[in-house]
Amino acid sequence: MKKYRNSKKSAVLRGVSLVAVIATMIGFTSCGGVDPNVKQKENNTSSYQVVTTAPASDVEKEGFNAYGDGLTDPVKLKGVTVKVSDFAIRSFELAFLLGSGSFKNVEKLPVDMLTQYGFSHLSYKNLYEIPKDEVLYREADEDQIQKELKKHFGSVKVDLKKSSLYNKGKKKFEIWLPNYGTNVYYRVDAADVSKNKVEIITTFYNELKKSSKLGRTTLTVKLDNKKPVIAELKVG
C-alpha cells in the first residue's frame, strides 16, 4: 500500500508540472499574438517600413489652397523682413493667372493688366482664392487701386483711367472678378539676398505630388520706403 501511494503522488506531481508547462506556453504565444498551431516563418530582414495613411500635409484640403515647400522662410533685406512665400505666390499670380510674362519695369505692363491686378487684390489677398462658381461684381475709386498697387510695386506712374475697366460716366472702376480660383503647388528653390535686392526663384507644379512642372519664375524684390515690393519678374 505504501508503494502504491508513492506512485500515485508521483503521477499527480507529473500532471501538475505538465499543466504548468502548457499554461506557460499558452501565455508566451498569446503575448506575441502568434497561433501555436500555425508554423511561423523566420524573418531575416533587419529593418522594415510600416505603411500608413498619408500625413495631413500630403492631403489636399477643401477650397483653394497653396501647397509650398523649399526655402519658404522669411529673409531679411537691410533689416526688413521679406515674406518669401507671399512673394512666390505673387509671381504665380502675375505669370500664370494674368499672363504678364517677364518684365523689368512694372510700368511697362498693359494698363488693363495692372488695373485688374490691383483691383482684384482689393477684395482678395491671394488671387487663387477667388471663387470659381460665383460671379462677383466690384466697384472702386482710382485712389483705392493706386494704393493697392503701391503696396505691391511701390510708386507706379500709370494712368489707370486709360483702362477699359474705368467707367467714365460713373467715374468709377468696375470689374467682374475673374474666376482665378485654383490650387497652387510650388517649391521655393532659392531666396538669394544681396545688398539691395532679394531674388526668389520658384518652381510651380501641376499637382500636389509635384511630379510635372507648370513653370518657373524669378521674382526680384527691392525696398521702396523701407517696404519690400516687386521690382522685376522673369518667367521661364
C-alpha atoms as a PDB file:
ATOM      1  CA  MET A   1       0.000   0.000   0.000  1.00  0.00           C
ATOM      2  CA  LYS A   2       2.852   2.396   0.761  1.00  0.00           C
ATOM      3  CA  LYS A   3       4.385   1.821  -2.641  1.00  0.00           C
ATOM      4  CA  TYR A   4       1.037   2.495  -4.294  1.00  0.00           C
ATOM      5  CA  ARG A   5       0.594   5.827  -2.506  1.00  0.00           C
ATOM      6  CA  ASN A   6       4.077   6.935  -3.623  1.00  0.00           C
ATOM      7  CA  SER A   7       3.278   6.041  -7.256  1.00  0.00           C
ATOM      8  CA  LYS A   8       0.007   7.944  -7.101  1.00  0.00           C
ATOM      9  CA  LYS A   9       1.727  11.005  -5.640  1.00  0.00           C
ATOM     10  CA  SER A  10       4.333  10.984  -8.411  1.00  0.00           C
ATOM     11  CA  ALA A  11       1.640  10.764 -11.071  1.00  0.00           C
ATOM     12  CA  VAL A  12      -0.178  13.764  -9.568  1.00  0.00           C
ATOM     13  CA  LEU A  13       3.040  15.820  -9.474  1.00  0.00           C
ATOM     14  CA  ARG A  14       3.778  14.947 -13.115  1.00  0.00           C
ATOM     15  CA  GLY A  15       0.262  16.055 -14.054  1.00  0.00           C
ATOM     16  CA  VAL A  16       0.663  19.379 -12.275  1.00  0.00           C
ATOM     17  CA  SER A  17       4.026  20.010 -13.953  1.00  0.00           C
ATOM     18  CA  LEU A  18       2.581  19.266 -17.392  1.00  0.00           C
ATOM     19  CA  VAL A  19      -0.315  21.684 -16.815  1.00  0.00           C
ATOM     20  CA  ALA A  20       2.154  24.380 -15.730  1.00  0.00           C
ATOM     21  CA  VAL A  21       4.273  23.892 -18.846  1.00  0.00           C
ATOM     22  CA  ILE A  22       1.210  24.088 -21.141  1.00  0.00           C
ATOM     23  CA  ALA A  23      -0.028  27.219 -19.350  1.00  0.00           C
ATOM     24  CA  THR A  24       3.370  28.853 -19.750  1.00  0.00           C
ATOM     25  CA  MET A  25       3.465  28.030 -23.469  1.00  0.00           C
ATOM     26  CA  ILE A  26      -0.055  29.427 -23.997  1.00  0.00           C
ATOM     27  CA  GLY A  27       0.821  32.608 -22.112  1.00  0.00           C
ATOM     28  CA  PHE A  28       4.002  33.101 -24.143  1.00  0.00           C
ATOM     29  CA  THR A  29       2.332  32.620 -27.513  1.00  0.00           C
ATOM     30  CA  SER A  30      -0.654  34.811 -26.557  1.00  0.00           C
ATOM     31  CA  CYS A  31       1.577  37.747 -25.665  1.00  0.00           C
ATOM     32  CA  GLY A  32       3.265  37.550 -29.025  1.00  0.00           C
ATOM     33  CA  GLY A  33      -0.057  37.276 -30.882  1.00  0.00           C
ATOM     34  CA  VAL A  34       1.119  34.018 -32.500  1.00  0.00           C
ATOM     35  CA  ASP A  35      -1.068  30.988 -33.068  1.00  0.00           C
ATOM     36  CA  PRO A  36       0.908  27.947 -31.767  1.00  0.00           C
ATOM     37  CA  ASN A  37      -0.874  25.742 -34.301  1.00  0.00           C
ATOM     38  CA  VAL A  38       0.475  27.704 -37.256  1.00  0.00           C
ATOM     39  CA  LYS A  39       4.044  27.220 -38.363  1.00  0.00           C
ATOM     40  CA  GLN A  40       5.910  30.515 -38.221  1.00  0.00           C
ATOM     41  CA  LYS A  41       8.441  31.661 -40.821  1.00  0.00           C
ATOM     42  CA  GLU A  42      11.701  33.212 -39.753  1.00  0.00           C
ATOM     43  CA  ASN A  43      12.173  36.884 -40.649  1.00  0.00           C
ATOM     44  CA  ASN A  44      15.743  37.625 -41.650  1.00  0.00           C
ATOM     45  CA  THR A  45      15.028  41.274 -42.567  1.00  0.00           C
ATOM     46  CA  SER A  46      16.930  43.645 -40.317  1.00  0.00           C
ATOM     47  CA  SER A  47      14.640  46.649 -40.970  1.00  0.00           C
ATOM     48  CA  TYR A  48      11.185  47.305 -42.379  1.00  0.00           C
ATOM     49  CA  GLN A  49       8.757  50.101 -43.155  1.00  0.00           C
ATOM     50  CA  VAL A  50       5.256  50.462 -41.849  1.00  0.00           C
ATOM     51  CA  VAL A  51       2.834  51.756 -44.459  1.00  0.00           C
ATOM     52  CA  THR A  52       0.423  54.312 -43.007  1.00  0.00           C
ATOM     53  CA  THR A  53      -2.040  56.807 -44.397  1.00  0.00           C
ATOM     54  CA  ALA A  54      -0.562  59.978 -45.871  1.00  0.00           C
ATOM     55  CA  PRO A  55       0.144  62.790 -43.377  1.00  0.00           C
ATOM     56  CA  ALA A  56      -2.094  65.861 -43.415  1.00  0.00           C
ATOM     57  CA  SER A  57       0.494  67.887 -45.351  1.00  0.00           C
ATOM     58  CA  ASP A  58       0.162  65.450 -48.256  1.00  0.00           C
ATOM     59  CA  VAL A  59      -3.613  65.663 -48.444  1.00  0.00           C
ATOM     60  CA  GLU A  60      -5.450  68.421 -50.259  1.00  0.00           C
ATOM     61  CA  LYS A  61      -7.828  70.485 -48.175  1.00  0.00           C
ATOM     62  CA  GLU A  62     -11.210  71.856 -49.176  1.00  0.00           C
ATOM     63  CA  GLY A  63     -11.308  75.026 -51.223  1.00  0.00           C
ATOM     64  CA  PHE A  64      -8.360  76.602 -52.996  1.00  0.00           C
ATOM     65  CA  ASN A  65      -5.027  76.498 -51.212  1.00  0.00           C
ATOM     66  CA  ALA A  66      -1.317  76.971 -51.761  1.00  0.00           C
ATOM     67  CA  TYR A  67       0.938  73.987 -51.081  1.00  0.00           C
ATOM     68  CA  GLY A  68       4.523  75.145 -50.862  1.00  0.00           C
ATOM     69  CA  ASP A  69       7.830  73.824 -49.642  1.00  0.00           C
ATOM     70  CA  GLY A  70      11.516  74.510 -50.036  1.00  0.00           C
ATOM     71  CA  LEU A  71      13.103  77.756 -48.810  1.00  0.00           C
ATOM     72  CA  THR A  72       9.841  79.406 -47.791  1.00  0.00           C
ATOM     73  CA  ASP A  73      11.069  81.038 -44.572  1.00  0.00           C
ATOM     74  CA  PRO A  74      11.227  84.858 -44.473  1.00  0.00           C
ATOM     75  CA  VAL A  75      14.574  86.558 -45.109  1.00  0.00           C
ATOM     76  CA  LYS A  76      15.988  89.945 -44.155  1.00  0.00           C
ATOM     77  CA  LEU A  77      16.886  92.719 -46.605  1.00  0.00           C
ATOM     78  CA  LYS A  78      18.622  95.610 -44.843  1.00  0.00           C
ATOM     79  CA  GLY A  79      16.820  94.624 -41.665  1.00  0.00           C
ATOM     80  CA  VAL A  80      13.408  94.456 -43.358  1.00  0.00           C
ATOM     81  CA  THR A  81      11.510  91.155 -43.355  1.00  0.00           C
ATOM     82  CA  VAL A  82      10.694  89.773 -46.796  1.00  0.00           C
ATOM     83  CA  LYS A  83       7.978  87.114 -46.733  1.00  0.00           C
ATOM     84  CA  VAL A  84       9.380  84.746 -49.340  1.00  0.00           C
ATOM     85  CA  SER A  85       6.295  82.561 -49.627  1.00  0.00           C
ATOM     86  CA  ASP A  86       3.987  85.531 -50.197  1.00  0.00           C
ATOM     87  CA  PHE A  87       6.168  86.885 -52.988  1.00  0.00           C
ATOM     88  CA  ALA A  88       6.384  83.437 -54.574  1.00  0.00           C
ATOM     89  CA  ILE A  89       2.577  83.478 -54.750  1.00  0.00           C
ATOM     90  CA  ARG A  90       2.654  86.976 -56.278  1.00  0.00           C
ATOM     91  CA  SER A  91       4.920  85.678 -59.030  1.00  0.00           C
ATOM     92  CA  PHE A  92       2.419  82.880 -59.714  1.00  0.00           C
ATOM     93  CA  GLU A  93      -0.419  85.373 -59.987  1.00  0.00           C
ATOM     94  CA  LEU A  94       1.440  87.606 -62.405  1.00  0.00           C
ATOM     95  CA  ALA A  95       2.959  84.861 -64.544  1.00  0.00           C
ATOM     96  CA  PHE A  96       0.200  82.256 -64.669  1.00  0.00           C
ATOM     97  CA  LEU A  97      -3.076  83.973 -63.749  1.00  0.00           C
ATOM     98  CA  LEU A  98      -2.558  87.285 -65.526  1.00  0.00           C
ATOM     99  CA  GLY A  99      -0.010  86.060 -68.079  1.00  0.00           C
ATOM    100  CA  SER A 100       2.312  89.024 -67.555  1.00  0.00           C
ATOM    101  CA  GLY A 101       5.404  87.378 -68.987  1.00  0.00           C
ATOM    102  CA  SER A 102       8.809  88.705 -67.951  1.00  0.00           C
ATOM    103  CA  PHE A 103       9.266  92.379 -67.136  1.00  0.00           C
ATOM    104  CA  LYS A 104      11.970  94.672 -65.745  1.00  0.00           C
ATOM    105  CA  ASN A 105       9.706  97.650 -65.231  1.00  0.00           C
ATOM    106  CA  VAL A 106       6.184  97.208 -63.932  1.00  0.00           C
ATOM    107  CA  GLU A 107       5.086 100.425 -65.632  1.00  0.00           C
ATOM    108  CA  LYS A 108       5.606  98.705 -68.977  1.00  0.00           C
ATOM    109  CA  LEU A 109       2.846  96.206 -68.251  1.00  0.00           C
ATOM    110  CA  PRO A 110      -0.502  96.767 -70.001  1.00  0.00           C
ATOM    111  CA  VAL A 111      -2.670  99.214 -68.067  1.00  0.00           C
ATOM    112  CA  ASP A 112      -5.612  96.773 -68.089  1.00  0.00           C
ATOM    113  CA  MET A 113      -3.433  94.094 -66.521  1.00  0.00           C
ATOM    114  CA  LEU A 114      -2.152  96.381 -63.780  1.00  0.00           C
ATOM    115  CA  THR A 115      -5.632  97.697 -63.046  1.00  0.00           C
ATOM    116  CA  GLN A 116      -7.066  94.191 -62.884  1.00  0.00           C
ATOM    117  CA  TYR A 117      -4.244  93.030 -60.601  1.00  0.00           C
ATOM    118  CA  GLY A 118      -4.685  95.898 -58.138  1.00  0.00           C
ATOM    119  CA  PHE A 119      -8.481  95.819 -58.366  1.00  0.00           C
ATOM    120  CA  SER A 120      -8.648  92.083 -57.632  1.00  0.00           C
ATOM    121  CA  HIS A 121      -6.306  92.426 -54.657  1.00  0.00           C
ATOM    122  CA  LEU A 122      -8.668  94.935 -53.077  1.00  0.00           C
ATOM    123  CA  SER A 123     -11.036  92.030 -52.417  1.00  0.00           C
ATOM    124  CA  TYR A 124      -8.629  89.093 -52.008  1.00  0.00           C
ATOM    125  CA  LYS A 125      -5.153  88.888 -50.550  1.00  0.00           C
ATOM    126  CA  ASN A 126      -4.481  85.861 -52.765  1.00  0.00           C
ATOM    127  CA  LEU A 127      -5.999  85.763 -56.219  1.00  0.00           C
ATOM    128  CA  TYR A 128      -6.041  81.963 -56.274  1.00  0.00           C
ATOM    129  CA  GLU A 129      -8.730  82.117 -53.560  1.00  0.00           C
ATOM    130  CA  ILE A 130     -11.296  83.902 -55.762  1.00  0.00           C
ATOM    131  CA  PRO A 131     -14.258  81.508 -56.153  1.00  0.00           C
ATOM    132  CA  LYS A 132     -14.776  79.792 -59.470  1.00  0.00           C
ATOM    133  CA  ASP A 133     -18.509  79.238 -59.081  1.00  0.00           C
ATOM    134  CA  GLU A 134     -19.526  82.839 -58.281  1.00  0.00           C
ATOM    135  CA  VAL A 135     -19.766  85.990 -60.391  1.00  0.00           C
ATOM    136  CA  LEU A 136     -18.542  88.822 -58.178  1.00  0.00           C
ATOM    137  CA  TYR A 137     -19.040  92.455 -59.181  1.00  0.00           C
ATOM    138  CA  ARG A 138     -16.881  95.181 -57.641  1.00  0.00           C
ATOM    139  CA  GLU A 139     -16.515  98.959 -57.887  1.00  0.00           C
ATOM    140  CA  ALA A 140     -13.543 101.059 -56.769  1.00  0.00           C
ATOM    141  CA  ASP A 141     -12.043 104.527 -56.959  1.00  0.00           C
ATOM    142  CA  GLU A 142      -8.726 105.204 -58.649  1.00  0.00           C
ATOM    143  CA  ASP A 143      -7.116 106.071 -55.326  1.00  0.00           C
ATOM    144  CA  GLN A 144      -8.050 102.670 -53.920  1.00  0.00           C
ATOM    145  CA  ILE A 145      -6.457 100.800 -56.812  1.00  0.00           C
ATOM    146  CA  GLN A 146      -3.366 103.027 -56.848  1.00  0.00           C
ATOM    147  CA  LYS A 147      -2.901 102.446 -53.127  1.00  0.00           C
ATOM    148  CA  GLU A 148      -3.125  98.680 -53.636  1.00  0.00           C
ATOM    149  CA  LEU A 149      -0.624  98.770 -56.498  1.00  0.00           C
ATOM    150  CA  LYS A 150       1.764 100.787 -54.348  1.00  0.00           C
ATOM    151  CA  LYS A 151       1.691  98.042 -51.719  1.00  0.00           C
ATOM    152  CA  HIS A 152       2.862  95.527 -54.329  1.00  0.00           C
ATOM    153  CA  PHE A 153       5.106  97.550 -56.634  1.00  0.00           C
ATOM    154  CA  GLY A 154       5.959 100.801 -54.863  1.00  0.00           C
ATOM    155  CA  SER A 155       5.338 104.091 -56.649  1.00  0.00           C
ATOM    156  CA  VAL A 156       3.758 103.365 -60.041  1.00  0.00           C
ATOM    157  CA  LYS A 157       3.246 106.179 -62.533  1.00  0.00           C
ATOM    158  CA  VAL A 158       0.470 104.810 -64.705  1.00  0.00           C
ATOM    159  CA  ASP A 159      -2.739 106.488 -65.843  1.00  0.00           C
ATOM    160  CA  LEU A 160      -5.242 103.861 -64.759  1.00  0.00           C
ATOM    161  CA  LYS A 161      -8.109 105.784 -66.341  1.00  0.00           C
ATOM    162  CA  LYS A 162      -6.890 104.521 -69.701  1.00  0.00           C
ATOM    163  CA  SER A 163      -8.019 101.062 -68.636  1.00  0.00           C
ATOM    164  CA  SER A 164     -11.157  99.544 -70.112  1.00  0.00           C
ATOM    165  CA  LEU A 165     -12.228  98.887 -66.526  1.00  0.00           C
ATOM    166  CA  TYR A 166     -12.805 102.604 -65.988  1.00  0.00           C
ATOM    167  CA  ASN A 167     -16.385 103.812 -66.391  1.00  0.00           C
ATOM    168  CA  LYS A 168     -16.171 107.491 -67.361  1.00  0.00           C
ATOM    169  CA  GLY A 169     -19.874 108.052 -66.743  1.00  0.00           C
ATOM    170  CA  LYS A 170     -19.700 106.805 -63.157  1.00  0.00           C
ATOM    171  CA  LYS A 171     -16.121 107.977 -62.675  1.00  0.00           C
ATOM    172  CA  LYS A 172     -15.574 104.564 -61.128  1.00  0.00           C
ATOM    173  CA  PHE A 173     -13.681 101.421 -61.941  1.00  0.00           C
ATOM    174  CA  GLU A 174     -15.835  98.334 -62.404  1.00  0.00           C
ATOM    175  CA  ILE A 175     -14.849  94.697 -62.558  1.00  0.00           C
ATOM    176  CA  TRP A 176     -16.378  91.259 -62.642  1.00  0.00           C
ATOM    177  CA  LEU A 177     -13.713  89.424 -60.684  1.00  0.00           C
ATOM    178  CA  PRO A 178     -12.008  86.778 -62.829  1.00  0.00           C
ATOM    179  CA  ASN A 179     -12.616  83.205 -61.697  1.00  0.00           C
ATOM    180  CA  TYR A 180      -8.983  82.666 -60.779  1.00  0.00           C
ATOM    181  CA  GLY A 181      -9.692  80.026 -58.122  1.00  0.00           C
ATOM    182  CA  THR A 182      -7.102  77.251 -58.202  1.00  0.00           C
ATOM    183  CA  ASN A 183      -4.668  75.310 -56.058  1.00  0.00           C
ATOM    184  CA  VAL A 184      -1.047  76.416 -56.166  1.00  0.00           C
ATOM    185  CA  TYR A 185       1.717  73.822 -55.891  1.00  0.00           C
ATOM    186  CA  TYR A 186       5.199  75.261 -55.584  1.00  0.00           C
ATOM    187  CA  ARG A 187       8.727  74.886 -54.288  1.00  0.00           C
ATOM    188  CA  VAL A 188      10.960  77.842 -53.500  1.00  0.00           C
ATOM    189  CA  ASP A 189      14.361  76.865 -54.909  1.00  0.00           C
ATOM    190  CA  ALA A 190      16.272  79.947 -53.771  1.00  0.00           C
ATOM    191  CA  ALA A 191      15.890  83.231 -51.907  1.00  0.00           C
ATOM    192  CA  ASP A 192      19.161  84.990 -52.688  1.00  0.00           C
ATOM    193  CA  VAL A 193      19.789  88.147 -50.692  1.00  0.00           C
ATOM    194  CA  SER A 194      22.256  90.750 -51.975  1.00  0.00           C
ATOM    195  CA  LYS A 195      22.908  94.336 -50.876  1.00  0.00           C
ATOM    196  CA  ASN A 196      19.777  95.860 -52.353  1.00  0.00           C
ATOM    197  CA  LYS A 197      17.531  93.028 -53.518  1.00  0.00           C
ATOM    198  CA  VAL A 198      16.203  89.510 -52.999  1.00  0.00           C
ATOM    199  CA  GLU A 199      15.806  87.089 -55.881  1.00  0.00           C
ATOM    200  CA  ILE A 200      13.164  84.467 -55.220  1.00  0.00           C
ATOM    201  CA  ILE A 201      13.297  81.518 -57.601  1.00  0.00           C
ATOM    202  CA  THR A 202      10.206  79.320 -57.554  1.00  0.00           C
ATOM    203  CA  THR A 203       9.163  76.218 -59.467  1.00  0.00           C
ATOM    204  CA  PHE A 204       5.434  75.624 -59.876  1.00  0.00           C
ATOM    205  CA  TYR A 205       3.793  72.264 -60.467  1.00  0.00           C
ATOM    206  CA  ASN A 206       0.515  70.895 -61.781  1.00  0.00           C
ATOM    207  CA  GLU A 207      -0.297  68.642 -58.832  1.00  0.00           C
ATOM    208  CA  LEU A 208       0.328  68.034 -55.156  1.00  0.00           C
ATOM    209  CA  LYS A 209       2.947  65.356 -55.799  1.00  0.00           C
ATOM    210  CA  LYS A 210       4.956  67.952 -57.746  1.00  0.00           C
ATOM    211  CA  SER A 211       5.807  65.486 -60.497  1.00  0.00           C
ATOM    212  CA  SER A 212       5.057  67.668 -63.555  1.00  0.00           C
ATOM    213  CA  LYS A 213       6.216  71.261 -63.870  1.00  0.00           C
ATOM    214  CA  LEU A 214       3.959  74.163 -64.705  1.00  0.00           C
ATOM    215  CA  GLY A 215       6.777  76.674 -64.954  1.00  0.00           C
ATOM    216  CA  ARG A 216       9.439  78.669 -63.129  1.00  0.00           C
ATOM    217  CA  THR A 217       9.734  82.273 -62.009  1.00  0.00           C
ATOM    218  CA  THR A 218      12.454  84.529 -60.675  1.00  0.00           C
ATOM    219  CA  LEU A 219      10.992  87.459 -58.784  1.00  0.00           C
ATOM    220  CA  THR A 220      13.191  90.387 -57.751  1.00  0.00           C
ATOM    221  CA  VAL A 221      12.178  92.183 -54.565  1.00  0.00           C
ATOM    222  CA  LYS A 222      13.560  95.609 -53.645  1.00  0.00           C
ATOM    223  CA  LEU A 223      12.817  98.128 -50.917  1.00  0.00           C
ATOM    224  CA  ASP A 224      10.618 101.169 -51.504  1.00  0.00           C
ATOM    225  CA  ASN A 225      10.444 103.465 -48.472  1.00  0.00           C
ATOM    226  CA  LYS A 226      11.690 100.549 -46.388  1.00  0.00           C
ATOM    227  CA  LYS A 227       8.952  98.256 -47.662  1.00  0.00           C
ATOM    228  CA  PRO A 228       9.590  95.194 -49.851  1.00  0.00           C
ATOM    229  CA  VAL A 229       7.976  95.459 -53.296  1.00  0.00           C
ATOM    230  CA  ILE A 230       8.076  93.662 -56.638  1.00  0.00           C
ATOM    231  CA  ALA A 231      10.698  95.140 -58.957  1.00  0.00           C
ATOM    232  CA  GLU A 232      11.204  92.597 -61.741  1.00  0.00           C
ATOM    233  CA  LEU A 233       9.913  89.230 -62.903  1.00  0.00           C
ATOM    234  CA  LYS A 234      11.463  86.616 -65.116  1.00  0.00           C
ATOM    235  CA  VAL A 235       9.295  83.763 -66.330  1.00  0.00           C
ATOM    236  CA  GLY A 236      10.898  80.546 -67.551  1.00  0.00           C
END
